[in-house]
Amino acid sequence: MFSFTPEERRVITFFSCAALFGFAAASAAKKFPVLQKCPLFAQESGKIELNSADKDALLSVAGIGEKLSERILEYRRLRGGFREIEELKNIKGITAKSLEKLKESFYLQ
């Protein structure tokens, strides 16, 4: 039916294996929540975990400067951590508009 060269078969095999590995990893992460903390399985790739971010990590986020990072850390310390990302709106200097942008940079575990 199909006639593939040996190189084409290797490429097809490679991509098939990669797809199967991705599916298996996603399934394992859903079944075993502890795996979600592992960077390989993290579903929030590229985002910063709000309750464990240090000052340098916060400063790396666009829109967060020295003062705002200090306020975020102080709020987190006083409250024992964030339960929702929306709690950022309780911090002086974060408006509803800036919260929408910041939500894209953070996640909570």
PDB file of N, CA and C in Angstrom:
ATOM      1  N   MET A   1       0.825  -1.178   0.000  1.00  0.00           N
ATOM      2  CA  MET A   1       0.000   0.000   0.000  1.00  0.00           C
ATOM      3  C   MET A   1       0.881   1.258   0.000  1.00  0.00           C
ATOM      4  N   PHE A   2       1.729   1.414   1.042  1.00  0.00           N
ATOM      5  CA  PHE A   2       2.654   2.533   1.084  1.00  0.00           C
ATOM      6  C   PHE A   2       4.063   1.999   0.895  1.00  0.00           C
ATOM      7  N   SER A   3       4.863   2.768   0.237  1.00  0.00           N
ATOM      8  CA  SER A   3       6.240   2.371   0.019  1.00  0.00           C
ATOM      9  C   SER A   3       7.152   3.463   0.583  1.00  0.00           C
ATOM     10  N   PHE A   4       7.726   3.196   1.770  1.00  0.00           N
ATOM     11  CA  PHE A   4       8.602   4.155   2.410  1.00  0.00           C
ATOM     12  C   PHE A   4      10.051   3.708   2.308  1.00  0.00           C
ATOM     13  N   THR A   5      10.939   4.671   2.216  1.00  0.00           N
ATOM     14  CA  THR A   5      12.359   4.359   2.241  1.00  0.00           C
ATOM     15  C   THR A   5      12.755   4.034   3.673  1.00  0.00           C
ATOM     16  N   PRO A   6      13.902   3.402   3.891  1.00  0.00           N
ATOM     17  CA  PRO A   6      14.332   3.099   5.256  1.00  0.00           C
ATOM     18  C   PRO A   6      14.446   4.360   6.124  1.00  0.00           C
ATOM     19  N   GLU A   7      14.905   5.475   5.561  1.00  0.00           N
ATOM     20  CA  GLU A   7      15.015   6.711   6.335  1.00  0.00           C
ATOM     21  C   GLU A   7      13.635   7.243   6.714  1.00  0.00           C
ATOM     22  N   GLU A   8      12.691   7.162   5.815  1.00  0.00           N
ATOM     23  CA  GLU A   8      11.326   7.609   6.122  1.00  0.00           C
ATOM     24  C   GLU A   8      10.720   6.753   7.223  1.00  0.00           C
ATOM     25  N   ARG A   9      10.986   5.448   7.187  1.00  0.00           N
ATOM     26  CA  ARG A   9      10.473   4.557   8.237  1.00  0.00           C
ATOM     27  C   ARG A   9      11.070   4.924   9.599  1.00  0.00           C
ATOM     28  N   ARG A  10      12.374   5.268   9.635  1.00  0.00           N
ATOM     29  CA  ARG A  10      13.012   5.672  10.892  1.00  0.00           C
ATOM     30  C   ARG A  10      12.376   6.959  11.425  1.00  0.00           C
ATOM     31  N   VAL A  11      12.120   7.912  10.546  1.00  0.00           N
ATOM     32  CA  VAL A  11      11.507   9.176  10.967  1.00  0.00           C
ATOM     33  C   VAL A  11      10.103   8.923  11.506  1.00  0.00           C
ATOM     34  N   ILE A  12       9.335   8.130  10.829  1.00  0.00           N
ATOM     35  CA  ILE A  12       7.969   7.804  11.272  1.00  0.00           C
ATOM     36  C   ILE A  12       8.013   7.085  12.614  1.00  0.00           C
ATOM     37  N   THR A  13       8.945   6.150  12.762  1.00  0.00           N
ATOM     38  CA  THR A  13       9.088   5.421  14.019  1.00  0.00           C
ATOM     39  C   THR A  13       9.469   6.370  15.152  1.00  0.00           C
ATOM     40  N   PHE A  14      10.413   7.279  14.875  1.00  0.00           N
ATOM     41  CA  PHE A  14      10.844   8.238  15.884  1.00  0.00           C
ATOM     42  C   PHE A  14       9.668   9.091  16.363  1.00  0.00           C
ATOM     43  N   PHE A  15       8.920   9.666  15.438  1.00  0.00           N
ATOM     44  CA  PHE A  15       7.805  10.527  15.831  1.00  0.00           C
ATOM     45  C   PHE A  15       6.688   9.742  16.510  1.00  0.00           C
ATOM     46  N   SER A  16       6.481   8.526  16.109  1.00  0.00           N
ATOM     47  CA  SER A  16       5.474   7.688  16.766  1.00  0.00           C
ATOM     48  C   SER A  16       5.876   7.411  18.210  1.00  0.00           C
ATOM     49  N   CYS A  17       7.159   7.086  18.421  1.00  0.00           N
ATOM     50  CA  CYS A  17       7.646   6.833  19.782  1.00  0.00           C
ATOM     51  C   CYS A  17       7.569   8.096  20.629  1.00  0.00           C
ATOM     52  N   ALA A  18       7.921   9.240  20.051  1.00  0.00           N
ATOM     53  CA  ALA A  18       7.848  10.501  20.786  1.00  0.00           C
ATOM     54  C   ALA A  18       6.410  10.805  21.200  1.00  0.00           C
ATOM     55  N   ALA A  19       5.465  10.578  20.311  1.00  0.00           N
ATOM     56  CA  ALA A  19       4.054  10.810  20.626  1.00  0.00           C
ATOM     57  C   ALA A  19       3.581   9.861  21.724  1.00  0.00           C
ATOM     58  N   LEU A  20       3.975   8.604  21.658  1.00  0.00           N
ATOM     59  CA  LEU A  20       3.587   7.639  22.686  1.00  0.00           C
ATOM     60  C   LEU A  20       4.192   8.009  24.043  1.00  0.00           C
ATOM     61  N   PHE A  21       5.449   8.449  24.042  1.00  0.00           N
ATOM     62  CA  PHE A  21       6.082   8.867  25.290  1.00  0.00           C
ATOM     63  C   PHE A  21       5.344  10.069  25.891  1.00  0.00           C
ATOM     64  N   GLY A  22       5.000  11.030  25.061  1.00  0.00           N
ATOM     65  CA  GLY A  22       4.268  12.201  25.539  1.00  0.00           C
ATOM     66  C   GLY A  22       2.925  11.833  26.132  1.00  0.00           C
ATOM     67  N   PHE A  23       2.217  10.936  25.468  1.00  0.00           N
ATOM     68  CA  PHE A  23       0.924  10.471  25.975  1.00  0.00           C
ATOM     69  C   PHE A  23       1.098   9.735  27.303  1.00  0.00           C
ATOM     70  N   ALA A  24       2.109   8.879  27.377  1.00  0.00           N
ATOM     71  CA  ALA A  24       2.358   8.124  28.615  1.00  0.00           C
ATOM     72  C   ALA A  24       2.732   9.069  29.759  1.00  0.00           C
ATOM     73  N   ALA A  25       3.555  10.078  29.483  1.00  0.00           N
ATOM     74  CA  ALA A  25       3.961  11.031  30.520  1.00  0.00           C
ATOM     75  C   ALA A  25       2.760  11.828  31.021  1.00  0.00           C
ATOM     76  N   ALA A  26       1.906  12.276  30.111  1.00  0.00           N
ATOM     77  CA  ALA A  26       0.716  13.035  30.508  1.00  0.00           C
ATOM     78  C   ALA A  26      -0.224  12.166  31.335  1.00  0.00           C
ATOM     79  N   SER A  27      -0.390  10.916  30.945  1.00  0.00           N
ATOM     80  CA  SER A  27      -1.253  10.004  31.696  1.00  0.00           C
ATOM     81  C   SER A  27      -0.693   9.728  33.083  1.00  0.00           C
ATOM     82  N   ALA A  28       0.621   9.533  33.170  1.00  0.00           N
ATOM     83  CA  ALA A  28       1.251   9.271  34.464  1.00  0.00           C
ATOM     84  C   ALA A  28       1.117  10.480  35.382  1.00  0.00           C
ATOM     85  N   ALA A  29       1.280  11.683  34.844  1.00  0.00           N
ATOM     86  CA  ALA A  29       1.172  12.895  35.656  1.00  0.00           C
ATOM     87  C   ALA A  29      -0.241  13.068  36.198  1.00  0.00           C
ATOM     88  N   LYS A  30      -1.243  12.648  35.440  1.00  0.00           N
ATOM     89  CA  LYS A  30      -2.628  12.753  35.923  1.00  0.00           C
ATOM     90  C   LYS A  30      -2.902  11.716  37.006  1.00  0.00           C
ATOM     91  N   LYS A  31      -2.365  10.511  36.823  1.00  0.00           N
ATOM     92  CA  LYS A  31      -2.627   9.432  37.766  1.00  0.00           C
ATOM     93  C   LYS A  31      -1.843   9.593  39.069  1.00  0.00           C
ATOM     94  N   PHE A  32      -0.620  10.139  38.966  1.00  0.00           N
ATOM     95  CA  PHE A  32       0.246  10.315  40.130  1.00  0.00           C
ATOM     96  C   PHE A  32       0.576  11.796  40.297  1.00  0.00           C
ATOM     97  N   PRO A  33      -0.234  12.542  41.058  1.00  0.00           N
ATOM     98  CA  PRO A  33      -0.051  13.993  41.191  1.00  0.00           C
ATOM     99  C   PRO A  33       1.334  14.410  41.669  1.00  0.00           C
ATOM    100  N   VAL A  34       2.021  13.548  42.413  1.00  0.00           N
ATOM    101  CA  VAL A  34       3.355  13.900  42.896  1.00  0.00           C
ATOM    102  C   VAL A  34       4.315  14.126  41.723  1.00  0.00           C
ATOM    103  N   LEU A  35       4.066  13.520  40.585  1.00  0.00           N
ATOM    104  CA  LEU A  35       4.921  13.698  39.411  1.00  0.00           C
ATOM    105  C   LEU A  35       4.815  15.102  38.832  1.00  0.00           C
ATOM    106  N   GLN A  36       3.735  15.815  39.124  1.00  0.00           N
ATOM    107  CA  GLN A  36       3.557  17.155  38.575  1.00  0.00           C
ATOM    108  C   GLN A  36       4.599  18.124  39.109  1.00  0.00           C
ATOM    109  N   LYS A  37       5.242  17.795  40.236  1.00  0.00           N
ATOM    110  CA  LYS A  37       6.296  18.653  40.774  1.00  0.00           C
ATOM    111  C   LYS A  37       7.603  18.474  40.016  1.00  0.00           C
ATOM    112  N   CYS A  38       7.727  17.387  39.310  1.00  0.00           N
ATOM    113  CA  CYS A  38       8.928  17.119  38.521  1.00  0.00           C
ATOM    114  C   CYS A  38       8.887  17.982  37.260  1.00  0.00           C
ATOM    115  N   PRO A  39       9.975  18.710  36.949  1.00  0.00           N
ATOM    116  CA  PRO A  39       9.969  19.596  35.775  1.00  0.00           C
ATOM    117  C   PRO A  39       9.608  18.887  34.469  1.00  0.00           C
ATOM    118  N   LEU A  40       9.956  17.607  34.357  1.00  0.00           N
ATOM    119  CA  LEU A  40       9.641  16.868  33.145  1.00  0.00           C
ATOM    120  C   LEU A  40       8.136  16.781  32.921  1.00  0.00           C
ATOM    121  N   PHE A  41       7.374  16.689  34.009  1.00  0.00           N
ATOM    122  CA  PHE A  41       5.934  16.524  33.907  1.00  0.00           C
ATOM    123  C   PHE A  41       5.156  17.797  34.204  1.00  0.00           C
ATOM    124  N   ALA A  42       5.824  18.871  34.566  1.00  0.00           N
ATOM    125  CA  ALA A  42       5.149  20.100  34.971  1.00  0.00           C
ATOM    126  C   ALA A  42       4.235  20.600  33.865  1.00  0.00           C
ATOM    127  N   GLN A  43       3.013  20.868  34.221  1.00  0.00           N
ATOM    128  CA  GLN A  43       2.038  21.338  33.238  1.00  0.00           C
ATOM    129  C   GLN A  43       2.098  22.849  33.072  1.00  0.00           C
ATOM    130  N   GLU A  44       2.795  23.514  33.957  1.00  0.00           N
ATOM    131  CA  GLU A  44       2.863  24.969  33.918  1.00  0.00           C
ATOM    132  C   GLU A  44       4.246  25.422  33.465  1.00  0.00           C
ATOM    133  N   SER A  45       4.767  24.762  32.467  1.00  0.00           N
ATOM    134  CA  SER A  45       6.105  25.072  31.973  1.00  0.00           C
ATOM    135  C   SER A  45       6.242  26.546  31.623  1.00  0.00           C
ATOM    136  N   GLY A  46       7.339  27.139  32.062  1.00  0.00           N
ATOM    137  CA  GLY A  46       7.597  28.533  31.766  1.00  0.00           C
ATOM    138  C   GLY A  46       6.988  29.509  32.751  1.00  0.00           C
ATOM    139  N   LYS A  47       6.202  29.007  33.681  1.00  0.00           N
ATOM    140  CA  LYS A  47       5.588  29.867  34.693  1.00  0.00           C
ATOM    141  C   LYS A  47       6.317  29.705  36.017  1.00  0.00           C
ATOM    142  N   ILE A  48       6.101  30.644  36.906  1.00  0.00           N
ATOM    143  CA  ILE A  48       6.746  30.641  38.213  1.00  0.00           C
ATOM    144  C   ILE A  48       5.728  30.243  39.271  1.00  0.00           C
ATOM    145  N   GLU A  49       6.131  29.329  40.155  1.00  0.00           N
ATOM    146  CA  GLU A  49       5.247  28.905  41.242  1.00  0.00           C
ATOM    147  C   GLU A  49       5.225  30.025  42.286  1.00  0.00           C
ATOM    148  N   LEU A  50       4.068  30.617  42.473  1.00  0.00           N
ATOM    149  CA  LEU A  50       3.917  31.834  43.264  1.00  0.00           C
ATOM    150  C   LEU A  50       4.308  31.659  44.732  1.00  0.00           C
ATOM    151  N   ASN A  51       4.040  30.504  45.303  1.00  0.00           N
ATOM    152  CA  ASN A  51       4.323  30.313  46.727  1.00  0.00           C
ATOM    153  C   ASN A  51       5.767  29.924  47.024  1.00  0.00           C
ATOM    154  N   SER A  52       6.555  29.649  46.019  1.00  0.00           N
ATOM    155  CA  SER A  52       7.956  29.298  46.280  1.00  0.00           C
ATOM    156  C   SER A  52       8.932  30.250  45.591  1.00  0.00           C
ATOM    157  N   ALA A  53       8.419  31.227  44.856  1.00  0.00           N
ATOM    158  CA  ALA A  53       9.281  32.157  44.126  1.00  0.00           C
ATOM    159  C   ALA A  53      10.052  33.047  45.095  1.00  0.00           C
ATOM    160  N   ASP A  54      11.340  33.215  44.828  1.00  0.00           N
ATOM    161  CA  ASP A  54      12.123  34.149  45.618  1.00  0.00           C
ATOM    162  C   ASP A  54      12.094  35.521  44.940  1.00  0.00           C
ATOM    163  N   LYS A  55      12.775  36.475  45.540  1.00  0.00           N
ATOM    164  CA  LYS A  55      12.737  37.849  45.030  1.00  0.00           C
ATOM    165  C   LYS A  55      13.251  37.928  43.594  1.00  0.00           C
ATOM    166  N   ASP A  56      14.337  37.220  43.297  1.00  0.00           N
ATOM    167  CA  ASP A  56      14.898  37.255  41.942  1.00  0.00           C
ATOM    168  C   ASP A  56      13.914  36.702  40.909  1.00  0.00           C
ATOM    169  N   ALA A  57      13.218  35.635  41.269  1.00  0.00           N
ATOM    170  CA  ALA A  57      12.229  35.060  40.351  1.00  0.00           C
ATOM    171  C   ALA A  57      11.097  36.050  40.106  1.00  0.00           C
ATOM    172  N   LEU A  58      10.645  36.704  41.151  1.00  0.00           N
ATOM    173  CA  LEU A  58       9.574  37.699  41.002  1.00  0.00           C
ATOM    174  C   LEU A  58      10.030  38.866  40.137  1.00  0.00           C
ATOM    175  N   LEU A  59      11.268  39.296  40.342  1.00  0.00           N
ATOM    176  CA  LEU A  59      11.791  40.416  39.553  1.00  0.00           C
ATOM    177  C   LEU A  59      11.938  40.072  38.073  1.00  0.00           C
ATOM    178  N   SER A  60      12.005  38.800  37.755  1.00  0.00           N
ATOM    179  CA  SER A  60      12.129  38.384  36.354  1.00  0.00           C
ATOM    180  C   SER A  60      10.814  38.506  35.587  1.00  0.00           C
ATOM    181  N   VAL A  61       9.727  38.739  36.305  1.00  0.00           N
ATOM    182  CA  VAL A  61       8.404  38.858  35.678  1.00  0.00           C
ATOM    183  C   VAL A  61       8.185  40.305  35.237  1.00  0.00           C
ATOM    184  N   ALA A  62       7.776  40.474  33.997  1.00  0.00           N
ATOM    185  CA  ALA A  62       7.497  41.823  33.474  1.00  0.00           C
ATOM    186  C   ALA A  62       6.397  42.472  34.301  1.00  0.00           C
ATOM    187  N   GLY A  63       6.640  43.705  34.728  1.00  0.00           N
ATOM    188  CA  GLY A  63       5.648  44.433  35.507  1.00  0.00           C
ATOM    189  C   GLY A  63       5.879  44.381  37.003  1.00  0.00           C
ATOM    190  N   ILE A  64       6.845  43.561  37.442  1.00  0.00           N
ATOM    191  CA  ILE A  64       7.137  43.480  38.876  1.00  0.00           C
ATOM    192  C   ILE A  64       8.517  44.074  39.114  1.00  0.00           C
ATOM    193  N   GLY A  65       8.527  45.119  39.952  1.00  0.00           N
ATOM    194  CA  GLY A  65       9.774  45.770  40.313  1.00  0.00           C
ATOM    195  C   GLY A  65      10.154  45.449  41.745  1.00  0.00           C
ATOM    196  N   GLU A  66      11.126  46.181  42.233  1.00  0.00           N
ATOM    197  CA  GLU A  66      11.666  45.970  43.583  1.00  0.00           C
ATOM    198  C   GLU A  66      10.579  46.054  44.657  1.00  0.00           C
ATOM    199  N   LYS A  67       9.831  47.147  44.677  1.00  0.00           N
ATOM    200  CA  LYS A  67       8.810  47.366  45.718  1.00  0.00           C
ATOM    201  C   LYS A  67       7.700  46.321  45.642  1.00  0.00           C
ATOM    202  N   LEU A  68       7.227  46.061  44.433  1.00  0.00           N
ATOM    203  CA  LEU A  68       6.126  45.110  44.272  1.00  0.00           C
ATOM    204  C   LEU A  68       6.556  43.698  44.675  1.00  0.00           C
ATOM    205  N   SER A  69       7.777  43.319  44.345  1.00  0.00           N
ATOM    206  CA  SER A  69       8.262  41.992  44.744  1.00  0.00           C
ATOM    207  C   SER A  69       8.304  41.888  46.269  1.00  0.00           C
ATOM    208  N   GLU A  70       8.728  42.951  46.927  1.00  0.00           N
ATOM    209  CA  GLU A  70       8.764  42.947  48.392  1.00  0.00           C
ATOM    210  C   GLU A  70       7.356  42.838  48.974  1.00  0.00           C
ATOM    211  N   ARG A  71       6.405  43.526  48.373  1.00  0.00           N
ATOM    212  CA  ARG A  71       5.012  43.463  48.853  1.00  0.00           C
ATOM    213  C   ARG A  71       4.436  42.058  48.658  1.00  0.00           C
ATOM    214  N   ILE A  72       4.748  41.436  47.535  1.00  0.00           N
ATOM    215  CA  ILE A  72       4.254  40.074  47.277  1.00  0.00           C
ATOM    216  C   ILE A  72       4.831  39.109  48.311  1.00  0.00           C
ATOM    217  N   LEU A  73       6.127  39.206  48.568  1.00  0.00           N
ATOM    218  CA  LEU A  73       6.763  38.315  49.548  1.00  0.00           C
ATOM    219  C   LEU A  73       6.208  38.550  50.951  1.00  0.00           C
ATOM    220  N   GLU A  74       5.967  39.799  51.304  1.00  0.00           N
ATOM    221  CA  GLU A  74       5.419  40.114  52.626  1.00  0.00           C
ATOM    222  C   GLU A  74       3.984  39.585  52.761  1.00  0.00           C
ATOM    223  N   TYR A  75       3.179  39.781  51.734  1.00  0.00           N
ATOM    224  CA  TYR A  75       1.806  39.270  51.745  1.00  0.00           C
ATOM    225  C   TYR A  75       1.819  37.754  51.914  1.00  0.00           C
ATOM    226  N   ARG A  76       2.681  37.095  51.152  1.00  0.00           N
ATOM    227  CA  ARG A  76       2.781  35.628  51.217  1.00  0.00           C
ATOM    228  C   ARG A  76       3.204  35.182  52.610  1.00  0.00           C
ATOM    229  N   ARG A  77       4.157  35.885  53.201  1.00  0.00           N
ATOM    230  CA  ARG A  77       4.632  35.530  54.539  1.00  0.00           C
ATOM    231  C   ARG A  77       3.522  35.694  55.584  1.00  0.00           C
ATOM    232  N   LEU A  78       2.806  36.815  55.521  1.00  0.00           N
ATOM    233  CA  LEU A  78       1.748  37.084  56.499  1.00  0.00           C
ATOM    234  C   LEU A  78       0.570  36.135  56.362  1.00  0.00           C
ATOM    235  N   ARG A  79       0.237  35.758  55.148  1.00  0.00           N
ATOM    236  CA  ARG A  79      -0.932  34.896  54.895  1.00  0.00           C
ATOM    237  C   ARG A  79      -0.597  33.412  54.877  1.00  0.00           C
ATOM    238  N   GLY A  80       0.676  33.083  54.933  1.00  0.00           N
ATOM    239  CA  GLY A  80       1.051  31.668  54.866  1.00  0.00           C
ATOM    240  C   GLY A  80       0.959  31.117  53.455  1.00  0.00           C
ATOM    241  N   GLY A  81       1.035  31.992  52.477  1.00  0.00           N
ATOM    242  CA  GLY A  81       0.999  31.554  51.080  1.00  0.00           C
ATOM    243  C   GLY A  81      -0.278  31.996  50.385  1.00  0.00           C
ATOM    244  N   PHE A  82      -0.238  31.883  49.091  1.00  0.00           N
ATOM    245  CA  PHE A  82      -1.396  32.217  48.257  1.00  0.00           C
ATOM    246  C   PHE A  82      -2.241  30.965  48.054  1.00  0.00           C
ATOM    247  N   ARG A  83      -3.535  31.130  48.107  1.00  0.00           N
ATOM    248  CA  ARG A  83      -4.457  30.034  47.806  1.00  0.00           C
ATOM    249  C   ARG A  83      -4.995  30.152  46.384  1.00  0.00           C
ATOM    250  N   GLU A  84      -5.044  31.396  45.897  1.00  0.00           N
ATOM    251  CA  GLU A  84      -5.484  31.689  44.528  1.00  0.00           C
ATOM    252  C   GLU A  84      -4.587  32.783  43.961  1.00  0.00           C
ATOM    253  N   ILE A  85      -4.318  32.727  42.697  1.00  0.00           N
ATOM    254  CA  ILE A  85      -3.506  33.763  42.060  1.00  0.00           C
ATOM    255  C   ILE A  85      -4.219  35.107  42.136  1.00  0.00           C
ATOM    256  N   GLU A  86      -5.542  35.090  42.149  1.00  0.00           N
ATOM    257  CA  GLU A  86      -6.328  36.321  42.202  1.00  0.00           C
ATOM    258  C   GLU A  86      -6.069  37.120  43.478  1.00  0.00           C
ATOM    259  N   GLU A  87      -5.485  36.493  44.498  1.00  0.00           N
ATOM    260  CA  GLU A  87      -5.160  37.214  45.729  1.00  0.00           C
ATOM    261  C   GLU A  87      -4.141  38.320  45.473  1.00  0.00           C
ATOM    262  N   LEU A  88      -3.441  38.252  44.370  1.00  0.00           N
ATOM    263  CA  LEU A  88      -2.479  39.305  44.032  1.00  0.00           C
ATOM    264  C   LEU A  88      -3.151  40.674  43.974  1.00  0.00           C
ATOM    265  N   LYS A  89      -4.444  40.691  43.660  1.00  0.00           N
ATOM    266  CA  LYS A  89      -5.153  41.982  43.570  1.00  0.00           C
ATOM    267  C   LYS A  89      -5.239  42.671  44.929  1.00  0.00           C
ATOM    268  N   ASN A  90      -4.990  41.944  46.017  1.00  0.00           N
ATOM    269  CA  ASN A  90      -5.007  42.524  47.362  1.00  0.00           C
ATOM    270  C   ASN A  90      -3.723  43.285  47.683  1.00  0.00           C
ATOM    271  N   ILE A  91      -2.764  43.230  46.800  1.00  0.00           N
ATOM    272  CA  ILE A  91      -1.471  43.869  47.032  1.00  0.00           C
ATOM    273  C   ILE A  91      -1.461  45.248  46.395  1.00  0.00           C
ATOM    274  N   LYS A  92      -1.049  46.240  47.174  1.00  0.00           N
ATOM    275  CA  LYS A  92      -0.985  47.609  46.688  1.00  0.00           C
ATOM    276  C   LYS A  92      -0.087  47.663  45.449  1.00  0.00           C
ATOM    277  N   GLY A  93      -0.606  48.286  44.396  1.00  0.00           N
ATOM    278  CA  GLY A  93       0.152  48.424  43.155  1.00  0.00           C
ATOM    279  C   GLY A  93      -0.262  47.455  42.067  1.00  0.00           C
ATOM    280  N   ILE A  94      -1.114  46.482  42.418  1.00  0.00           N
ATOM    281  CA  ILE A  94      -1.599  45.533  41.403  1.00  0.00           C
ATOM    282  C   ILE A  94      -3.057  45.847  41.114  1.00  0.00           C
ATOM    283  N   THR A  95      -3.310  46.281  39.895  1.00  0.00           N
ATOM    284  CA  THR A  95      -4.663  46.620  39.461  1.00  0.00           C
ATOM    285  C   THR A  95      -5.298  45.405  38.785  1.00  0.00           C
ATOM    286  N   ALA A  96      -6.567  45.505  38.486  1.00  0.00           N
ATOM    287  CA  ALA A  96      -7.258  44.417  37.788  1.00  0.00           C
ATOM    288  C   ALA A  96      -6.605  44.151  36.433  1.00  0.00           C
ATOM    289  N   LYS A  97      -6.194  45.228  35.765  1.00  0.00           N
ATOM    290  CA  LYS A  97      -5.558  45.080  34.457  1.00  0.00           C
ATOM    291  C   LYS A  97      -4.193  44.400  34.571  1.00  0.00           C
ATOM    292  N   SER A  98      -3.395  44.833  35.554  1.00  0.00           N
ATOM    293  CA  SER A  98      -2.078  44.219  35.708  1.00  0.00           C
ATOM    294  C   SER A  98      -2.198  42.780  36.207  1.00  0.00           C
ATOM    295  N   LEU A  99      -3.245  42.482  36.989  1.00  0.00           N
ATOM    296  CA  LEU A  99      -3.466  41.110  37.450  1.00  0.00           C
ATOM    297  C   LEU A  99      -3.673  40.170  36.275  1.00  0.00           C
ATOM    298  N   GLU A 100      -4.414  40.598  35.285  1.00  0.00           N
ATOM    299  CA  GLU A 100      -4.656  39.747  34.118  1.00  0.00           C
ATOM    300  C   GLU A 100      -3.350  39.383  33.414  1.00  0.00           C
ATOM    301  N   LYS A 101      -2.417  40.329  33.356  1.00  0.00           N
ATOM    302  CA  LYS A 101      -1.118  40.050  32.735  1.00  0.00           C
ATOM    303  C   LYS A 101      -0.268  39.152  33.636  1.00  0.00           C
ATOM    304  N   LEU A 102      -0.310  39.413  34.937  1.00  0.00           N
ATOM    305  CA  LEU A 102       0.501  38.629  35.865  1.00  0.00           C
ATOM    306  C   LEU A 102       0.033  37.181  35.960  1.00  0.00           C
ATOM    307  N   LYS A 103      -1.251  36.945  35.798  1.00  0.00           N
ATOM    308  CA  LYS A 103      -1.789  35.584  35.873  1.00  0.00           C
ATOM    309  C   LYS A 103      -1.105  34.654  34.882  1.00  0.00           C
ATOM    310  N   GLU A 104      -0.634  35.208  33.760  1.00  0.00           N
ATOM    311  CA  GLU A 104       0.014  34.411  32.736  1.00  0.00           C
ATOM    312  C   GLU A 104       1.411  33.964  33.153  1.00  0.00           C
ATOM    313  N   SER A 105       1.963  34.599  34.190  1.00  0.00           N
ATOM    314  CA  SER A 105       3.330  34.316  34.606  1.00  0.00           C
ATOM    315  C   SER A 105       3.441  33.376  35.807  1.00  0.00           C
ATOM    316  N   PHE A 106       2.316  33.142  36.509  1.00  0.00           N
ATOM    317  CA  PHE A 106       2.360  32.376  37.743  1.00  0.00           C
ATOM    318  C   PHE A 106       1.424  31.171  37.718  1.00  0.00           C
ATOM    319  N   TYR A 107       1.730  30.224  38.605  1.00  0.00           N
ATOM    320  CA  TYR A 107       0.822  29.115  38.866  1.00  0.00           C
ATOM    321  C   TYR A 107       0.967  28.740  40.345  1.00  0.00           C
ATOM    322  N   LEU A 108       0.027  27.982  40.859  1.00  0.00           N
ATOM    323  CA  LEU A 108       0.060  27.499  42.244  1.00  0.00           C
ATOM    324  C   LEU A 108      -0.009  25.980  42.249  1.00  0.00           C
ATOM    325  N   GLN A 109       0.703  25.397  43.197  1.00  0.00           N
ATOM    326  CA  GLN A 109       0.627  23.932  43.340  1.00  0.00           C
ATOM    327  C   GLN A 109      -0.214  23.582  44.520  1.00  0.00           C
TER     328      GLN A 109
END
